[in-house]
């Protein structure tokens, strides 16, 4: 059964994603709930044709997931060890926005707290926005924090 007041904090370990961490921590404390840190791993399919013939192999999805889990566990221990309830560290595989929304739904999250670049125009069109996809499809409130 899911924690009653679960907050989902997606991270890619970048400085940008860390902008939302104080807000995720505060919302978790205010609701007396449990924080779920989520990292999404994608298979680097786009690079495969570029790497062909170089002798360099692409990491497997299992290797990427294991590395992400190690980093996420270390992050939780180093940055969130003092929360009243243990923090859940979960690695999921797929498209970030889809997987964040699916995970939040699975654990019946009360809120998703995440960072956004705040890109617009051509930059937004080329890069896309994970935060926008989450906001559009999440069934719970989403707090987005613009990184500077």
N, C-alpha and C. Protein backbone atom coordinates (compact mmCIF):
# COMPACT_ATOMS: atom_id res chain seq x y z
N UNK A 1 0.84 -1.19 0.00
CA UNK A 1 0.00 0.00 0.00
C UNK A 1 0.88 1.24 0.00
N UNK A 2 0.48 2.26 -0.75
CA UNK A 2 1.26 3.49 -0.87
C UNK A 2 1.16 4.34 0.40
N UNK A 3 2.21 5.08 0.63
CA UNK A 3 2.24 6.02 1.76
C UNK A 3 1.14 7.05 1.56
N UNK A 4 0.48 7.46 2.65
CA UNK A 4 -0.67 8.34 2.56
C UNK A 4 -0.33 9.70 1.94
N UNK A 5 0.79 10.29 2.27
CA UNK A 5 1.15 11.62 1.77
C UNK A 5 2.49 11.59 1.05
N UNK A 6 2.55 10.79 0.02
CA UNK A 6 3.78 10.61 -0.74
C UNK A 6 4.05 11.81 -1.66
N UNK A 7 5.29 12.30 -1.63
CA UNK A 7 5.75 13.35 -2.54
C UNK A 7 6.79 12.74 -3.46
N UNK A 8 6.67 12.97 -4.76
CA UNK A 8 7.62 12.45 -5.74
C UNK A 8 8.54 13.59 -6.17
N UNK A 9 9.85 13.31 -6.07
CA UNK A 9 10.88 14.27 -6.49
C UNK A 9 11.73 13.61 -7.58
N UNK A 10 11.47 13.94 -8.86
CA UNK A 10 12.30 13.40 -9.93
C UNK A 10 13.63 14.14 -9.99
N UNK A 11 14.71 13.40 -10.24
CA UNK A 11 16.02 14.04 -10.35
C UNK A 11 16.85 13.36 -11.42
N UNK A 12 17.70 14.16 -12.06
CA UNK A 12 18.70 13.61 -12.97
C UNK A 12 20.09 13.93 -12.42
N UNK A 13 20.13 14.37 -11.16
CA UNK A 13 21.34 14.69 -10.41
C UNK A 13 22.01 15.98 -10.88
N UNK A 14 21.38 16.71 -11.78
CA UNK A 14 21.95 17.97 -12.27
C UNK A 14 21.70 19.07 -11.25
N UNK A 15 22.49 20.15 -11.35
CA UNK A 15 22.26 21.31 -10.49
C UNK A 15 20.85 21.84 -10.70
N UNK A 16 20.38 21.79 -11.95
CA UNK A 16 19.04 22.28 -12.24
C UNK A 16 17.98 21.51 -11.46
N UNK A 17 18.09 20.19 -11.43
CA UNK A 17 17.06 19.42 -10.73
C UNK A 17 17.11 19.67 -9.22
N UNK A 18 18.28 20.03 -8.72
CA UNK A 18 18.42 20.28 -7.28
C UNK A 18 17.70 21.55 -6.82
N UNK A 19 17.34 22.43 -7.75
CA UNK A 19 16.61 23.64 -7.38
C UNK A 19 15.29 23.31 -6.69
N UNK A 20 14.71 22.17 -7.02
CA UNK A 20 13.42 21.79 -6.44
C UNK A 20 13.56 21.02 -5.13
N UNK A 21 14.76 20.61 -4.79
CA UNK A 21 14.94 19.77 -3.60
C UNK A 21 14.46 20.43 -2.30
N UNK A 22 14.80 21.69 -2.03
CA UNK A 22 14.29 22.29 -0.79
C UNK A 22 12.76 22.31 -0.72
N UNK A 23 12.12 22.49 -1.87
CA UNK A 23 10.66 22.51 -1.92
C UNK A 23 10.09 21.11 -1.68
N UNK A 24 10.72 20.10 -2.25
CA UNK A 24 10.27 18.72 -2.04
C UNK A 24 10.41 18.34 -0.57
N UNK A 25 11.53 18.72 0.01
CA UNK A 25 11.77 18.44 1.43
C UNK A 25 10.72 19.14 2.30
N UNK A 26 10.45 20.40 2.01
CA UNK A 26 9.49 21.17 2.79
C UNK A 26 8.07 20.60 2.67
N UNK A 27 7.67 20.24 1.45
CA UNK A 27 6.33 19.68 1.26
C UNK A 27 6.20 18.34 1.99
N UNK A 28 7.25 17.54 1.97
CA UNK A 28 7.25 16.25 2.66
C UNK A 28 7.09 16.47 4.17
N UNK A 29 7.84 17.43 4.70
CA UNK A 29 7.76 17.72 6.13
C UNK A 29 6.38 18.27 6.50
N UNK A 30 5.84 19.17 5.67
CA UNK A 30 4.54 19.77 5.96
C UNK A 30 3.42 18.73 5.96
N UNK A 31 3.49 17.79 5.03
CA UNK A 31 2.45 16.77 4.93
C UNK A 31 2.70 15.57 5.82
N UNK A 32 3.89 15.52 6.42
CA UNK A 32 4.22 14.39 7.27
C UNK A 32 4.28 13.09 6.49
N UNK A 33 4.67 13.22 5.25
CA UNK A 33 4.66 12.05 4.37
C UNK A 33 6.02 11.46 4.11
N UNK A 34 6.09 10.77 3.00
CA UNK A 34 7.28 10.05 2.60
C UNK A 34 7.75 10.61 1.26
N UNK A 35 9.04 10.87 1.14
CA UNK A 35 9.61 11.40 -0.10
C UNK A 35 10.10 10.24 -0.96
N UNK A 36 9.71 10.28 -2.22
CA UNK A 36 10.16 9.29 -3.20
C UNK A 36 11.02 10.01 -4.23
N UNK A 37 12.32 9.71 -4.24
CA UNK A 37 13.23 10.27 -5.25
C UNK A 37 13.26 9.30 -6.42
N UNK A 38 13.03 9.84 -7.61
CA UNK A 38 12.93 9.01 -8.80
C UNK A 38 13.93 9.48 -9.85
N UNK A 39 14.69 8.53 -10.39
CA UNK A 39 15.58 8.81 -11.51
C UNK A 39 15.12 7.96 -12.68
N UNK A 40 15.06 8.55 -13.86
CA UNK A 40 14.61 7.83 -15.05
C UNK A 40 15.82 7.57 -15.95
N UNK A 41 15.94 6.33 -16.38
CA UNK A 41 17.02 5.93 -17.27
C UNK A 41 16.44 5.67 -18.65
N UNK A 42 17.11 6.22 -19.65
CA UNK A 42 16.71 5.99 -21.04
C UNK A 42 17.83 5.24 -21.76
N UNK A 43 17.45 4.32 -22.62
CA UNK A 43 18.43 3.63 -23.46
C UNK A 43 18.94 4.63 -24.51
N UNK A 44 20.26 4.79 -24.63
CA UNK A 44 20.81 5.77 -25.58
C UNK A 44 20.80 5.26 -27.02
N UNK A 45 19.62 5.01 -27.56
CA UNK A 45 19.47 4.45 -28.90
C UNK A 45 20.00 5.41 -29.97
N UNK A 46 19.83 6.69 -29.77
CA UNK A 46 20.25 7.68 -30.76
C UNK A 46 21.74 7.60 -31.03
N UNK A 47 22.52 7.24 -30.03
CA UNK A 47 23.97 7.19 -30.19
C UNK A 47 24.47 5.94 -30.90
N UNK A 48 23.66 4.90 -30.95
CA UNK A 48 24.11 3.63 -31.52
C UNK A 48 24.68 3.76 -32.93
N UNK A 49 24.01 4.42 -33.87
CA UNK A 49 24.59 4.54 -35.21
C UNK A 49 25.90 5.34 -35.22
N UNK A 50 26.02 6.30 -34.35
CA UNK A 50 27.23 7.12 -34.29
C UNK A 50 28.40 6.33 -33.72
N UNK A 51 28.12 5.37 -32.86
CA UNK A 51 29.16 4.59 -32.21
C UNK A 51 29.61 3.38 -33.04
N UNK A 52 28.81 3.03 -34.06
CA UNK A 52 29.12 1.84 -34.87
C UNK A 52 30.51 1.97 -35.48
N UNK A 53 31.27 0.93 -35.34
CA UNK A 53 32.60 0.91 -35.94
C UNK A 53 33.68 1.60 -35.13
N UNK A 54 33.33 2.17 -33.98
CA UNK A 54 34.34 2.86 -33.17
C UNK A 54 34.99 1.91 -32.17
N UNK A 55 34.39 0.76 -32.00
CA UNK A 55 34.92 -0.19 -31.02
C UNK A 55 34.41 0.09 -29.61
N UNK A 56 33.77 1.23 -29.42
CA UNK A 56 33.22 1.58 -28.11
C UNK A 56 31.81 1.01 -28.02
N UNK A 57 31.57 0.25 -26.98
CA UNK A 57 30.24 -0.32 -26.79
C UNK A 57 29.37 0.61 -25.96
N UNK A 58 28.10 0.57 -26.25
CA UNK A 58 27.16 1.34 -25.44
C UNK A 58 26.88 0.58 -24.16
N UNK A 59 26.67 1.29 -23.07
CA UNK A 59 26.30 0.59 -21.84
C UNK A 59 24.91 -0.03 -22.00
N UNK A 60 24.71 -1.14 -21.35
CA UNK A 60 23.39 -1.79 -21.39
C UNK A 60 22.44 -1.03 -20.47
N UNK A 61 21.17 -1.27 -20.65
CA UNK A 61 20.18 -0.63 -19.79
C UNK A 61 20.36 -1.09 -18.35
N UNK A 62 20.82 -2.32 -18.16
CA UNK A 62 21.07 -2.82 -16.81
C UNK A 62 22.22 -2.07 -16.16
N UNK A 63 23.28 -1.80 -16.94
CA UNK A 63 24.42 -1.03 -16.41
C UNK A 63 24.01 0.40 -16.08
N UNK A 64 23.24 1.00 -16.98
CA UNK A 64 22.76 2.37 -16.73
C UNK A 64 21.88 2.42 -15.49
N UNK A 65 21.00 1.43 -15.35
CA UNK A 65 20.11 1.39 -14.18
C UNK A 65 20.88 1.18 -12.89
N UNK A 66 21.87 0.29 -12.91
CA UNK A 66 22.68 0.04 -11.72
C UNK A 66 23.46 1.29 -11.32
N UNK A 67 24.03 1.98 -12.30
CA UNK A 67 24.75 3.23 -12.01
C UNK A 67 23.81 4.28 -11.43
N UNK A 68 22.63 4.39 -12.02
CA UNK A 68 21.65 5.37 -11.53
C UNK A 68 21.20 5.03 -10.12
N UNK A 69 20.98 3.74 -9.84
CA UNK A 69 20.55 3.33 -8.49
C UNK A 69 21.63 3.64 -7.46
N UNK A 70 22.89 3.37 -7.82
CA UNK A 70 23.99 3.69 -6.92
C UNK A 70 24.02 5.20 -6.62
N UNK A 71 23.93 6.00 -7.68
CA UNK A 71 23.95 7.46 -7.50
C UNK A 71 22.76 7.95 -6.69
N UNK A 72 21.59 7.37 -6.95
CA UNK A 72 20.39 7.77 -6.22
C UNK A 72 20.48 7.38 -4.75
N UNK A 73 20.95 6.19 -4.47
CA UNK A 73 21.11 5.76 -3.07
C UNK A 73 22.09 6.67 -2.33
N UNK A 74 23.19 7.00 -2.98
CA UNK A 74 24.19 7.90 -2.37
C UNK A 74 23.60 9.29 -2.14
N UNK A 75 22.86 9.79 -3.12
CA UNK A 75 22.20 11.09 -3.01
C UNK A 75 21.25 11.11 -1.81
N UNK A 76 20.44 10.07 -1.69
CA UNK A 76 19.47 10.00 -0.58
C UNK A 76 20.18 9.96 0.75
N UNK A 77 21.23 9.15 0.86
CA UNK A 77 21.99 9.05 2.10
C UNK A 77 22.65 10.39 2.45
N UNK A 78 23.28 11.02 1.46
CA UNK A 78 24.03 12.26 1.70
C UNK A 78 23.14 13.47 1.92
N UNK A 79 22.01 13.56 1.22
CA UNK A 79 21.23 14.78 1.22
C UNK A 79 19.89 14.70 1.94
N UNK A 80 19.41 13.48 2.19
CA UNK A 80 18.06 13.36 2.74
C UNK A 80 17.97 12.41 3.94
N UNK A 81 19.10 12.05 4.49
CA UNK A 81 19.13 11.11 5.60
C UNK A 81 18.45 11.59 6.86
N UNK A 82 18.28 12.90 7.00
CA UNK A 82 17.73 13.43 8.25
C UNK A 82 16.21 13.57 8.25
N UNK A 83 15.53 13.20 7.16
CA UNK A 83 14.07 13.28 7.14
C UNK A 83 13.49 12.28 8.14
N UNK A 84 12.34 12.61 8.73
CA UNK A 84 11.75 11.73 9.75
C UNK A 84 11.44 10.32 9.25
N UNK A 85 11.01 10.20 8.00
CA UNK A 85 10.70 8.89 7.43
C UNK A 85 11.76 8.57 6.39
N UNK A 86 12.08 7.30 6.21
CA UNK A 86 13.06 6.93 5.19
C UNK A 86 12.60 7.37 3.80
N UNK A 87 13.54 7.80 2.98
CA UNK A 87 13.25 8.22 1.62
C UNK A 87 13.36 7.02 0.69
N UNK A 88 12.42 6.91 -0.22
CA UNK A 88 12.43 5.84 -1.21
C UNK A 88 13.26 6.31 -2.40
N UNK A 89 14.17 5.47 -2.87
CA UNK A 89 15.02 5.77 -4.02
C UNK A 89 14.67 4.78 -5.13
N UNK A 90 14.05 5.26 -6.19
CA UNK A 90 13.56 4.36 -7.24
C UNK A 90 14.08 4.77 -8.60
N UNK A 91 14.63 3.82 -9.34
CA UNK A 91 15.05 4.03 -10.72
C UNK A 91 14.02 3.36 -11.62
N UNK A 92 13.56 4.10 -12.62
CA UNK A 92 12.61 3.55 -13.60
C UNK A 92 13.20 3.72 -14.99
N UNK A 93 12.72 2.94 -15.94
CA UNK A 93 13.27 2.94 -17.29
C UNK A 93 12.20 3.39 -18.27
N UNK A 94 12.56 4.35 -19.13
CA UNK A 94 11.63 4.80 -20.16
C UNK A 94 11.78 6.28 -20.47
N UNK A 95 10.72 6.86 -21.00
CA UNK A 95 10.71 8.29 -21.30
C UNK A 95 10.42 9.04 -20.00
N UNK A 96 11.24 10.04 -19.67
CA UNK A 96 11.12 10.68 -18.35
C UNK A 96 9.72 11.14 -17.96
N UNK A 97 9.07 11.94 -18.77
CA UNK A 97 7.76 12.46 -18.37
C UNK A 97 6.76 11.33 -18.15
N UNK A 98 6.75 10.36 -19.06
CA UNK A 98 5.81 9.24 -18.94
C UNK A 98 6.07 8.43 -17.67
N UNK A 99 7.34 8.17 -17.40
CA UNK A 99 7.68 7.33 -16.24
C UNK A 99 7.44 8.05 -14.92
N UNK A 100 7.69 9.35 -14.88
CA UNK A 100 7.44 10.12 -13.65
C UNK A 100 5.95 10.12 -13.34
N UNK A 101 5.13 10.37 -14.36
CA UNK A 101 3.67 10.36 -14.18
C UNK A 101 3.18 8.98 -13.77
N UNK A 102 3.69 7.93 -14.41
CA UNK A 102 3.27 6.56 -14.08
C UNK A 102 3.66 6.20 -12.65
N UNK A 103 4.88 6.58 -12.26
CA UNK A 103 5.32 6.26 -10.90
C UNK A 103 4.48 7.00 -9.87
N UNK A 104 4.21 8.28 -10.11
CA UNK A 104 3.39 9.06 -9.17
C UNK A 104 2.00 8.46 -9.03
N UNK A 105 1.45 8.01 -10.13
CA UNK A 105 0.14 7.37 -10.10
C UNK A 105 0.20 6.05 -9.33
N UNK A 106 1.23 5.27 -9.56
CA UNK A 106 1.39 3.97 -8.91
C UNK A 106 1.45 4.09 -7.40
N UNK A 107 2.15 5.12 -6.90
CA UNK A 107 2.29 5.28 -5.45
C UNK A 107 1.24 6.23 -4.86
N UNK A 108 0.29 6.65 -5.70
CA UNK A 108 -0.77 7.56 -5.28
C UNK A 108 -0.18 8.82 -4.66
N UNK A 109 0.77 9.43 -5.37
CA UNK A 109 1.45 10.64 -4.88
C UNK A 109 0.46 11.78 -4.69
N UNK A 110 0.69 12.54 -3.64
CA UNK A 110 -0.11 13.73 -3.39
C UNK A 110 0.42 14.92 -4.17
N UNK A 111 1.70 14.86 -4.59
CA UNK A 111 2.31 15.96 -5.33
C UNK A 111 3.61 15.49 -5.96
N UNK A 112 3.93 16.10 -7.10
CA UNK A 112 5.23 15.94 -7.74
C UNK A 112 5.92 17.29 -7.64
N UNK A 113 7.15 17.31 -7.17
CA UNK A 113 7.92 18.55 -7.05
C UNK A 113 9.16 18.39 -7.91
N UNK A 114 9.28 19.26 -8.94
CA UNK A 114 10.39 19.12 -9.87
C UNK A 114 10.83 20.47 -10.43
N UNK A 115 12.03 20.47 -11.00
CA UNK A 115 12.59 21.68 -11.60
C UNK A 115 12.24 21.76 -13.07
N UNK A 116 12.36 22.96 -13.60
CA UNK A 116 12.17 23.19 -15.02
C UNK A 116 13.21 24.19 -15.49
N UNK A 117 13.64 24.03 -16.74
CA UNK A 117 14.60 24.98 -17.33
C UNK A 117 13.95 26.33 -17.58
N UNK A 118 12.67 26.30 -17.93
CA UNK A 118 11.99 27.54 -18.30
C UNK A 118 12.32 27.96 -19.73
N UNK A 119 12.72 26.99 -20.57
CA UNK A 119 13.01 27.31 -21.97
C UNK A 119 11.74 27.72 -22.69
N UNK A 120 11.91 28.52 -23.73
CA UNK A 120 10.79 28.89 -24.58
C UNK A 120 11.28 28.95 -26.02
N UNK A 121 10.35 29.12 -26.93
CA UNK A 121 10.70 29.29 -28.33
C UNK A 121 11.42 28.08 -28.92
N UNK A 122 12.44 28.35 -29.73
CA UNK A 122 13.17 27.32 -30.45
C UNK A 122 13.85 26.34 -29.50
N UNK A 123 14.42 26.87 -28.42
CA UNK A 123 15.10 26.00 -27.45
C UNK A 123 14.11 24.97 -26.89
N UNK A 124 12.91 25.42 -26.56
CA UNK A 124 11.89 24.53 -26.01
C UNK A 124 11.47 23.50 -27.07
N UNK A 125 11.32 23.96 -28.31
CA UNK A 125 10.90 23.07 -29.38
C UNK A 125 11.94 21.98 -29.65
N UNK A 126 13.21 22.34 -29.60
CA UNK A 126 14.27 21.38 -29.89
C UNK A 126 14.53 20.44 -28.73
N UNK A 127 14.52 20.95 -27.52
CA UNK A 127 14.86 20.16 -26.34
C UNK A 127 13.64 19.48 -25.74
N UNK A 128 12.50 20.15 -25.82
CA UNK A 128 11.30 19.60 -25.20
C UNK A 128 11.31 19.90 -23.71
N UNK A 129 10.27 19.48 -23.03
CA UNK A 129 10.20 19.76 -21.62
C UNK A 129 9.60 18.59 -20.87
N UNK A 130 10.41 17.96 -20.06
CA UNK A 130 9.91 16.89 -19.21
C UNK A 130 8.88 17.45 -18.25
N UNK A 131 9.17 18.62 -17.68
CA UNK A 131 8.24 19.22 -16.72
C UNK A 131 6.88 19.49 -17.37
N UNK A 132 6.89 19.97 -18.59
CA UNK A 132 5.63 20.24 -19.28
C UNK A 132 4.83 18.96 -19.48
N UNK A 133 5.51 17.88 -19.87
CA UNK A 133 4.83 16.60 -20.04
C UNK A 133 4.24 16.10 -18.74
N UNK A 134 4.97 16.29 -17.65
CA UNK A 134 4.47 15.87 -16.34
C UNK A 134 3.26 16.71 -15.94
N UNK A 135 3.35 18.02 -16.09
CA UNK A 135 2.24 18.90 -15.74
C UNK A 135 0.99 18.55 -16.53
N UNK A 136 1.15 18.27 -17.81
CA UNK A 136 0.00 17.96 -18.67
C UNK A 136 -0.68 16.64 -18.33
N UNK A 137 0.08 15.66 -17.86
CA UNK A 137 -0.48 14.32 -17.73
C UNK A 137 -0.62 13.80 -16.30
N UNK A 138 -0.03 14.46 -15.32
CA UNK A 138 -0.11 13.98 -13.94
C UNK A 138 -1.52 14.11 -13.39
N UNK A 139 -1.90 13.17 -12.57
CA UNK A 139 -3.24 13.21 -11.95
C UNK A 139 -3.19 13.90 -10.58
N UNK A 140 -1.99 14.30 -10.14
CA UNK A 140 -1.84 15.00 -8.88
C UNK A 140 -1.24 16.38 -9.17
N UNK A 141 -1.26 17.28 -8.19
CA UNK A 141 -0.64 18.59 -8.40
C UNK A 141 0.86 18.46 -8.68
N UNK A 142 1.38 19.36 -9.49
CA UNK A 142 2.81 19.39 -9.82
C UNK A 142 3.33 20.78 -9.48
N UNK A 143 4.32 20.84 -8.61
CA UNK A 143 4.99 22.09 -8.28
C UNK A 143 6.26 22.14 -9.11
N UNK A 144 6.37 23.11 -10.00
CA UNK A 144 7.60 23.26 -10.79
C UNK A 144 8.38 24.44 -10.25
N UNK A 145 9.67 24.24 -10.14
CA UNK A 145 10.58 25.28 -9.63
C UNK A 145 11.55 25.61 -10.75
N UNK A 146 11.56 26.85 -11.15
CA UNK A 146 12.45 27.26 -12.23
C UNK A 146 13.86 27.42 -11.67
N UNK A 147 14.79 26.75 -12.31
CA UNK A 147 16.19 26.87 -11.88
C UNK A 147 16.79 28.12 -12.50
N UNK A 148 17.79 28.68 -11.82
CA UNK A 148 18.39 29.90 -12.37
C UNK A 148 19.67 29.60 -13.09
